[in-house]
Amino acid sequence: MSCNNKSLAHRNGRIYDLLLFIIAILIVSVAFILRPHQVEIKRTSQCGEASWYALTSQTASGEMMDPAKLTAAHLTLPMGTRVLVTNLSNGKSLTVRINDRGPYAQNRLIDLSKAAASELGFIQSGVTHVRISVANEFKKYLNGHNCKK
């Protein structure tokens, strides 16, 4: 084999290796993009009655209550906690942010903003039975309101 043929074979081998590398990167990238990006989070839940409110006053967190935002009041969860709320009557779910304290009505679990109640489909009834779920790290803030299995 002449020197030119060795050089050509070496260059072709490098091009082939580069093409294989690019194809591998593309396959991994496509697989990553098409794969669901949900991380499994261990959750803990409470079940009980939810109501909604649409005040325009200052919340316990210091911000103004905005009935158009997806927020809620809970007696014990830290301000800013993200809570998955599921309306057990119709299966609708959404995530709200705790920014207020309450509810103070007996046996009530959570008070939701008007926007959250609307998305969960219970504006007309005013109250509904819900399950709230939070990451396990917030379990220590939940007492009672156990969900029936």
N, C-alpha and C. Protein backbone atom coordinates (compact mmCIF):
# COMPACT_ATOMS: atom_id res chain seq x y z
N MET A 1 0.85 -1.16 0.00
CA MET A 1 0.00 0.00 0.00
C MET A 1 0.90 1.23 0.00
N SER A 2 0.60 2.16 -0.87
CA SER A 2 1.42 3.36 -0.94
C SER A 2 1.06 4.31 0.19
N CYS A 3 1.87 5.31 0.33
CA CYS A 3 1.70 6.30 1.40
C CYS A 3 0.38 7.04 1.23
N ASN A 4 0.02 7.36 -0.01
CA ASN A 4 -1.25 8.05 -0.27
C ASN A 4 -2.44 7.18 0.12
N ASN A 5 -2.38 5.89 -0.17
CA ASN A 5 -3.47 4.98 0.17
C ASN A 5 -3.60 4.84 1.69
N LYS A 6 -2.46 4.78 2.43
CA LYS A 6 -2.51 4.69 3.89
C LYS A 6 -3.13 5.96 4.46
N SER A 7 -2.73 7.10 3.92
CA SER A 7 -3.24 8.37 4.40
C SER A 7 -4.75 8.47 4.14
N LEU A 8 -5.16 8.04 2.96
CA LEU A 8 -6.58 8.06 2.59
C LEU A 8 -7.37 7.11 3.48
N ALA A 9 -6.85 5.93 3.75
CA ALA A 9 -7.52 4.96 4.61
C ALA A 9 -7.61 5.51 6.03
N HIS A 10 -6.57 6.12 6.50
CA HIS A 10 -6.56 6.70 7.84
C HIS A 10 -7.59 7.83 7.94
N ARG A 11 -7.63 8.68 6.90
CA ARG A 11 -8.59 9.79 6.89
C ARG A 11 -10.01 9.25 6.81
N ASN A 12 -10.24 8.24 6.00
CA ASN A 12 -11.58 7.65 5.90
C ASN A 12 -12.00 7.02 7.23
N GLY A 13 -11.05 6.40 7.93
CA GLY A 13 -11.34 5.82 9.24
C GLY A 13 -11.72 6.90 10.24
N ARG A 14 -11.03 8.03 10.21
CA ARG A 14 -11.35 9.13 11.13
C ARG A 14 -12.71 9.73 10.80
N ILE A 15 -13.02 9.85 9.51
CA ILE A 15 -14.33 10.38 9.09
C ILE A 15 -15.42 9.41 9.54
N TYR A 16 -15.18 8.13 9.35
CA TYR A 16 -16.15 7.11 9.77
C TYR A 16 -16.37 7.19 11.28
N ASP A 17 -15.29 7.31 12.06
CA ASP A 17 -15.42 7.43 13.52
C ASP A 17 -16.18 8.69 13.91
N LEU A 18 -15.90 9.79 13.23
CA LEU A 18 -16.59 11.04 13.50
C LEU A 18 -18.08 10.92 13.18
N LEU A 19 -18.40 10.30 12.07
CA LEU A 19 -19.81 10.10 11.71
C LEU A 19 -20.52 9.21 12.74
N LEU A 20 -19.88 8.16 13.20
CA LEU A 20 -20.47 7.32 14.23
C LEU A 20 -20.71 8.10 15.51
N PHE A 21 -19.76 8.95 15.88
CA PHE A 21 -19.88 9.76 17.07
C PHE A 21 -21.06 10.73 16.94
N ILE A 22 -21.18 11.39 15.79
CA ILE A 22 -22.28 12.34 15.55
C ILE A 22 -23.63 11.61 15.58
N ILE A 23 -23.70 10.45 14.97
CA ILE A 23 -24.94 9.67 14.97
C ILE A 23 -25.31 9.26 16.40
N ALA A 24 -24.34 8.85 17.18
CA ALA A 24 -24.61 8.47 18.57
C ALA A 24 -25.13 9.67 19.36
N ILE A 25 -24.53 10.83 19.18
CA ILE A 25 -24.98 12.05 19.86
C ILE A 25 -26.41 12.37 19.45
N LEU A 26 -26.72 12.27 18.16
CA LEU A 26 -28.07 12.55 17.68
C LEU A 26 -29.09 11.57 18.28
N ILE A 27 -28.76 10.31 18.33
CA ILE A 27 -29.67 9.31 18.89
C ILE A 27 -29.94 9.59 20.37
N VAL A 28 -28.89 9.86 21.11
CA VAL A 28 -29.05 10.16 22.54
C VAL A 28 -29.87 11.44 22.71
N SER A 29 -29.59 12.45 21.90
CA SER A 29 -30.32 13.72 22.01
C SER A 29 -31.80 13.54 21.71
N VAL A 30 -32.12 12.83 20.64
CA VAL A 30 -33.51 12.60 20.28
C VAL A 30 -34.21 11.78 21.37
N ALA A 31 -33.56 10.78 21.88
CA ALA A 31 -34.15 9.96 22.94
C ALA A 31 -34.41 10.81 24.18
N PHE A 32 -33.51 11.71 24.51
CA PHE A 32 -33.68 12.57 25.68
C PHE A 32 -34.83 13.55 25.47
N ILE A 33 -34.90 14.13 24.29
CA ILE A 33 -35.95 15.11 23.99
C ILE A 33 -37.33 14.45 23.97
N LEU A 34 -37.44 13.27 23.43
CA LEU A 34 -38.73 12.60 23.32
C LEU A 34 -39.16 11.92 24.60
N ARG A 35 -38.25 11.70 25.52
CA ARG A 35 -38.56 11.03 26.79
C ARG A 35 -39.29 12.00 27.72
N PRO A 36 -40.32 11.54 28.43
CA PRO A 36 -40.97 12.42 29.40
C PRO A 36 -39.97 12.84 30.47
N HIS A 37 -40.02 14.09 30.87
CA HIS A 37 -39.07 14.61 31.85
C HIS A 37 -39.66 14.66 33.25
N GLN A 38 -40.54 13.77 33.56
CA GLN A 38 -41.12 13.77 34.90
C GLN A 38 -40.22 13.01 35.85
N VAL A 39 -39.90 13.66 36.93
CA VAL A 39 -39.11 13.04 37.97
C VAL A 39 -40.08 12.49 39.00
N GLU A 40 -39.87 11.26 39.40
CA GLU A 40 -40.75 10.65 40.39
C GLU A 40 -40.51 11.31 41.74
N ILE A 41 -41.54 11.94 42.29
CA ILE A 41 -41.45 12.59 43.59
C ILE A 41 -42.33 11.82 44.55
N LYS A 42 -41.76 11.40 45.67
CA LYS A 42 -42.55 10.75 46.70
C LYS A 42 -43.47 11.81 47.29
N ARG A 43 -44.76 11.48 47.35
CA ARG A 43 -45.75 12.45 47.79
C ARG A 43 -46.54 11.92 48.98
N THR A 44 -47.08 12.84 49.74
CA THR A 44 -47.96 12.51 50.84
C THR A 44 -49.25 13.31 50.63
N SER A 45 -50.37 12.80 51.09
CA SER A 45 -51.65 13.42 50.78
C SER A 45 -52.54 13.63 51.99
N GLN A 46 -53.49 14.53 51.84
CA GLN A 46 -54.59 14.74 52.76
C GLN A 46 -55.86 14.80 51.91
N CYS A 47 -56.96 14.41 52.48
CA CYS A 47 -58.24 14.51 51.80
C CYS A 47 -59.22 15.27 52.69
N GLY A 48 -60.07 16.04 52.08
CA GLY A 48 -61.05 16.79 52.84
C GLY A 48 -61.80 17.78 51.97
N GLU A 49 -62.46 18.70 52.63
CA GLU A 49 -63.29 19.68 51.94
C GLU A 49 -62.48 20.91 51.56
N ALA A 50 -62.73 21.40 50.36
CA ALA A 50 -62.12 22.64 49.89
C ALA A 50 -63.21 23.64 49.59
N SER A 51 -62.91 24.89 49.80
CA SER A 51 -63.81 25.98 49.41
C SER A 51 -62.97 26.99 48.64
N TRP A 52 -63.61 28.04 48.17
CA TRP A 52 -62.86 29.07 47.47
C TRP A 52 -63.20 30.44 48.03
N TYR A 53 -62.28 31.37 47.83
CA TYR A 53 -62.52 32.74 48.26
C TYR A 53 -61.90 33.69 47.25
N ALA A 54 -62.44 34.90 47.20
CA ALA A 54 -62.00 35.87 46.20
C ALA A 54 -61.81 37.25 46.82
N LEU A 55 -61.21 37.29 47.99
CA LEU A 55 -60.93 38.57 48.63
C LEU A 55 -59.85 39.31 47.86
N THR A 56 -59.76 40.59 48.08
CA THR A 56 -58.66 41.35 47.49
C THR A 56 -57.92 42.06 48.62
N SER A 57 -57.62 41.32 49.65
CA SER A 57 -56.91 41.87 50.81
C SER A 57 -55.51 41.27 50.88
N GLN A 58 -54.75 41.70 51.86
CA GLN A 58 -53.41 41.18 52.04
C GLN A 58 -53.48 39.77 52.63
N THR A 59 -52.67 38.86 52.09
CA THR A 59 -52.62 37.48 52.59
C THR A 59 -51.61 37.39 53.73
N ALA A 60 -51.61 36.25 54.39
CA ALA A 60 -50.67 36.04 55.50
C ALA A 60 -49.21 36.08 55.03
N SER A 61 -48.97 35.86 53.75
CA SER A 61 -47.60 35.93 53.23
C SER A 61 -47.16 37.36 52.98
N GLY A 62 -48.10 38.30 53.04
CA GLY A 62 -47.78 39.70 52.80
C GLY A 62 -48.14 40.18 51.42
N GLU A 63 -48.41 39.27 50.50
CA GLU A 63 -48.80 39.71 49.16
C GLU A 63 -50.31 39.93 49.11
N MET A 64 -50.75 40.66 48.12
CA MET A 64 -52.17 40.90 47.95
C MET A 64 -52.82 39.66 47.35
N MET A 65 -53.99 39.32 47.86
CA MET A 65 -54.75 38.19 47.31
C MET A 65 -55.20 38.57 45.92
N ASP A 66 -54.95 37.70 44.96
CA ASP A 66 -55.38 37.92 43.58
C ASP A 66 -56.25 36.74 43.19
N PRO A 67 -57.57 36.93 43.10
CA PRO A 67 -58.47 35.82 42.77
C PRO A 67 -58.17 35.17 41.42
N ALA A 68 -57.40 35.84 40.57
CA ALA A 68 -57.09 35.30 39.24
C ALA A 68 -55.86 34.39 39.25
N LYS A 69 -55.14 34.33 40.36
CA LYS A 69 -53.95 33.47 40.45
C LYS A 69 -54.28 32.13 41.08
N LEU A 70 -53.45 31.14 40.82
CA LEU A 70 -53.65 29.79 41.38
C LEU A 70 -52.95 29.70 42.73
N THR A 71 -53.63 30.20 43.76
CA THR A 71 -53.09 30.22 45.11
C THR A 71 -54.08 29.59 46.07
N ALA A 72 -53.63 29.40 47.32
CA ALA A 72 -54.49 28.76 48.32
C ALA A 72 -54.06 29.12 49.73
N ALA A 73 -54.98 28.85 50.66
CA ALA A 73 -54.70 29.02 52.08
C ALA A 73 -54.73 27.66 52.74
N HIS A 74 -53.72 27.39 53.56
CA HIS A 74 -53.65 26.14 54.33
C HIS A 74 -53.15 26.52 55.71
N LEU A 75 -53.63 25.82 56.73
CA LEU A 75 -53.29 26.18 58.10
C LEU A 75 -51.83 25.92 58.47
N THR A 76 -51.20 24.88 57.93
CA THR A 76 -49.90 24.48 58.43
C THR A 76 -48.77 24.41 57.41
N LEU A 77 -49.08 24.30 56.14
CA LEU A 77 -48.01 24.20 55.13
C LEU A 77 -47.26 25.52 55.02
N PRO A 78 -45.95 25.46 54.82
CA PRO A 78 -45.15 26.68 54.70
C PRO A 78 -45.58 27.52 53.49
N MET A 79 -45.45 28.83 53.63
CA MET A 79 -45.75 29.73 52.51
C MET A 79 -44.85 29.36 51.33
N GLY A 80 -45.44 29.38 50.16
CA GLY A 80 -44.70 29.06 48.94
C GLY A 80 -44.75 27.60 48.54
N THR A 81 -45.27 26.73 49.42
CA THR A 81 -45.35 25.31 49.10
C THR A 81 -46.25 25.11 47.88
N ARG A 82 -45.81 24.28 46.96
CA ARG A 82 -46.62 23.91 45.79
C ARG A 82 -47.43 22.68 46.16
N VAL A 83 -48.74 22.75 45.92
CA VAL A 83 -49.66 21.69 46.32
C VAL A 83 -50.46 21.23 45.10
N LEU A 84 -50.48 19.93 44.86
CA LEU A 84 -51.31 19.36 43.80
C LEU A 84 -52.68 19.12 44.41
N VAL A 85 -53.71 19.74 43.84
CA VAL A 85 -55.08 19.61 44.34
C VAL A 85 -55.89 18.86 43.30
N THR A 86 -56.57 17.80 43.74
CA THR A 86 -57.43 17.01 42.85
C THR A 86 -58.85 17.06 43.36
N ASN A 87 -59.77 17.49 42.51
CA ASN A 87 -61.20 17.48 42.83
C ASN A 87 -61.66 16.03 42.70
N LEU A 88 -62.03 15.41 43.79
CA LEU A 88 -62.40 14.01 43.78
C LEU A 88 -63.76 13.77 43.14
N SER A 89 -64.54 14.83 42.90
CA SER A 89 -65.84 14.69 42.25
C SER A 89 -65.72 14.54 40.74
N ASN A 90 -64.69 15.18 40.15
CA ASN A 90 -64.59 15.14 38.69
C ASN A 90 -63.20 14.74 38.18
N GLY A 91 -62.24 14.54 39.07
CA GLY A 91 -60.90 14.10 38.68
C GLY A 91 -59.97 15.20 38.19
N LYS A 92 -60.43 16.45 38.13
CA LYS A 92 -59.58 17.54 37.65
C LYS A 92 -58.52 17.87 38.69
N SER A 93 -57.30 18.16 38.22
CA SER A 93 -56.18 18.48 39.11
C SER A 93 -55.45 19.72 38.64
N LEU A 94 -54.81 20.39 39.58
CA LEU A 94 -53.94 21.51 39.26
C LEU A 94 -53.03 21.78 40.45
N THR A 95 -51.98 22.54 40.20
CA THR A 95 -51.03 22.89 41.25
C THR A 95 -51.26 24.33 41.66
N VAL A 96 -51.33 24.54 42.99
CA VAL A 96 -51.48 25.88 43.55
C VAL A 96 -50.31 26.17 44.48
N ARG A 97 -50.14 27.44 44.80
CA ARG A 97 -49.08 27.86 45.70
C ARG A 97 -49.72 28.38 46.99
N ILE A 98 -49.25 27.90 48.13
CA ILE A 98 -49.76 28.38 49.41
C ILE A 98 -49.22 29.78 49.67
N ASN A 99 -50.15 30.74 49.88
CA ASN A 99 -49.73 32.12 50.17
C ASN A 99 -50.57 32.74 51.30
N ASP A 100 -51.42 31.92 51.94
CA ASP A 100 -52.30 32.46 52.99
C ASP A 100 -52.57 31.39 54.04
N ARG A 101 -53.09 31.81 55.17
CA ARG A 101 -53.48 30.90 56.24
C ARG A 101 -54.99 30.73 56.24
N GLY A 102 -55.42 29.58 56.64
CA GLY A 102 -56.83 29.22 56.67
C GLY A 102 -56.93 27.83 56.13
N PRO A 103 -58.05 27.29 55.95
CA PRO A 103 -59.37 27.84 56.29
C PRO A 103 -59.64 27.70 57.78
N TYR A 104 -60.56 28.51 58.23
CA TYR A 104 -60.90 28.48 59.64
C TYR A 104 -62.25 27.83 59.90
N ALA A 105 -62.94 27.43 58.84
CA ALA A 105 -64.20 26.68 58.98
C ALA A 105 -63.87 25.26 59.44
N GLN A 106 -64.67 24.74 60.35
CA GLN A 106 -64.42 23.40 60.90
C GLN A 106 -64.45 22.35 59.79
N ASN A 107 -63.51 21.42 59.86
CA ASN A 107 -63.38 20.31 58.91
C ASN A 107 -62.99 20.73 57.50
N ARG A 108 -62.66 21.98 57.26
CA ARG A 108 -62.23 22.43 55.95
C ARG A 108 -60.73 22.22 55.84
N LEU A 109 -60.26 21.72 54.71
CA LEU A 109 -58.85 21.39 54.50
C LEU A 109 -58.07 22.54 53.86
N ILE A 110 -58.66 23.16 52.84
CA ILE A 110 -57.94 24.17 52.06
C ILE A 110 -58.94 25.15 51.47
N ASP A 111 -58.53 26.42 51.38
CA ASP A 111 -59.29 27.45 50.68
C ASP A 111 -58.51 27.79 49.43
N LEU A 112 -59.18 27.77 48.30
CA LEU A 112 -58.54 28.03 47.01
C LEU A 112 -58.97 29.38 46.46
N SER A 113 -58.14 29.94 45.61
CA SER A 113 -58.53 31.17 44.91
C SER A 113 -59.68 30.85 43.95
N LYS A 114 -60.38 31.89 43.53
CA LYS A 114 -61.50 31.70 42.60
C LYS A 114 -61.02 31.06 41.30
N ALA A 115 -59.85 31.46 40.82
CA ALA A 115 -59.32 30.89 39.57
C ALA A 115 -59.08 29.39 39.72
N ALA A 116 -58.52 28.99 40.86
CA ALA A 116 -58.26 27.56 41.09
C ALA A 116 -59.57 26.79 41.18
N ALA A 117 -60.55 27.35 41.89
CA ALA A 117 -61.86 26.69 42.01
C ALA A 117 -62.52 26.56 40.64
N SER A 118 -62.37 27.58 39.82
CA SER A 118 -62.94 27.54 38.48
C SER A 118 -62.31 26.42 37.66
N GLU A 119 -60.98 26.32 37.69
CA GLU A 119 -60.31 25.25 36.93
C GLU A 119 -60.66 23.87 37.45
N LEU A 120 -60.91 23.78 38.75
CA LEU A 120 -61.28 22.49 39.34
C LEU A 120 -62.77 22.20 39.20
N GLY A 121 -63.53 23.18 38.74
CA GLY A 121 -64.93 22.97 38.42
C GLY A 121 -65.89 22.95 39.60
N PHE A 122 -65.66 23.80 40.61
CA PHE A 122 -66.63 23.82 41.70
C PHE A 122 -67.04 25.22 42.15
N ILE A 123 -67.03 26.16 41.22
CA ILE A 123 -67.45 27.53 41.54
C ILE A 123 -68.90 27.54 42.02
N GLN A 124 -69.78 26.86 41.31
CA GLN A 124 -71.20 26.90 41.63
C GLN A 124 -71.51 26.31 43.00
N SER A 125 -70.92 25.18 43.31
CA SER A 125 -71.22 24.51 44.57
C SER A 125 -70.53 25.19 45.76
N GLY A 126 -69.41 25.85 45.51
CA GLY A 126 -68.70 26.55 46.57
C GLY A 126 -67.75 25.68 47.38
N VAL A 127 -68.05 24.40 47.49
CA VAL A 127 -67.19 23.45 48.20
C VAL A 127 -67.14 22.15 47.42
N THR A 128 -66.07 21.41 47.63
CA THR A 128 -65.95 20.09 47.02
C THR A 128 -64.99 19.25 47.84
N HIS A 129 -64.99 17.96 47.59
CA HIS A 129 -64.08 17.05 48.28
C HIS A 129 -62.81 16.94 47.43
N VAL A 130 -61.64 17.15 48.06
CA VAL A 130 -60.37 17.14 47.33
C VAL A 130 -59.34 16.26 48.02
N ARG A 131 -58.31 15.95 47.25
CA ARG A 131 -57.09 15.36 47.79
C ARG A 131 -55.99 16.37 47.49
N ILE A 132 -55.22 16.73 48.50
CA ILE A 132 -54.06 17.58 48.26
C ILE A 132 -52.82 16.72 48.45
N SER A 133 -51.85 16.91 47.59
CA SER A 133 -50.60 16.14 47.65
C SER A 133 -49.42 17.09 47.65
N VAL A 134 -48.48 16.79 48.53
CA VAL A 134 -47.25 17.57 48.61
C VAL A 134 -46.07 16.61 48.64
N ALA A 135 -44.90 17.13 48.33
CA ALA A 135 -43.68 16.32 48.42
C ALA A 135 -43.52 15.82 49.85
N ASN A 136 -42.97 14.63 50.01
CA ASN A 136 -42.81 14.00 51.32
C ASN A 136 -42.09 14.89 52.33
N GLU A 137 -41.24 15.79 51.85
CA GLU A 137 -40.50 16.65 52.77
C GLU A 137 -41.44 17.55 53.58
N PHE A 138 -42.69 17.72 53.13
CA PHE A 138 -43.66 18.56 53.84
C PHE A 138 -44.63 17.74 54.70
N LYS A 139 -44.41 16.44 54.77
CA LYS A 139 -45.30 15.54 55.52
C LYS A 139 -45.47 16.00 56.96
N LYS A 140 -44.41 16.52 57.56
CA LYS A 140 -44.46 16.93 58.96
C LYS A 140 -45.44 18.08 59.20
N TYR A 141 -45.86 18.78 58.16
CA TYR A 141 -46.79 19.90 58.30
C TYR A 141 -48.25 19.46 58.17
N LEU A 142 -48.47 18.20 57.86
CA LEU A 142 -49.83 17.70 57.66
C LEU A 142 -50.30 16.88 58.84
N ASN A 143 -51.47 17.19 59.36
CA ASN A 143 -52.07 16.44 60.45
C ASN A 143 -53.51 16.12 60.10
N GLY A 144 -53.92 14.89 60.35
CA GLY A 144 -55.32 14.52 60.11
C GLY A 144 -55.69 14.53 58.65
N HIS A 145 -56.96 14.56 58.39
CA HIS A 145 -57.51 14.58 57.03
C HIS A 145 -56.95 13.44 56.19
N ASN A 146 -56.87 12.25 56.78
CA ASN A 146 -56.34 11.11 56.04
C ASN A 146 -57.27 10.72 54.91
N CYS A 147 -56.68 10.23 53.83
CA CYS A 147 -57.46 9.79 52.68
C CYS A 147 -57.84 8.33 52.88
N LYS A 148 -59.10 8.03 52.57
CA LYS A 148 -59.56 6.65 52.64
C LYS A 148 -59.04 5.92 51.43
N LYS A 149 -58.53 4.76 51.64
CA LYS A 149 -57.96 3.99 50.53
C LYS A 149 -59.00 3.18 49.83
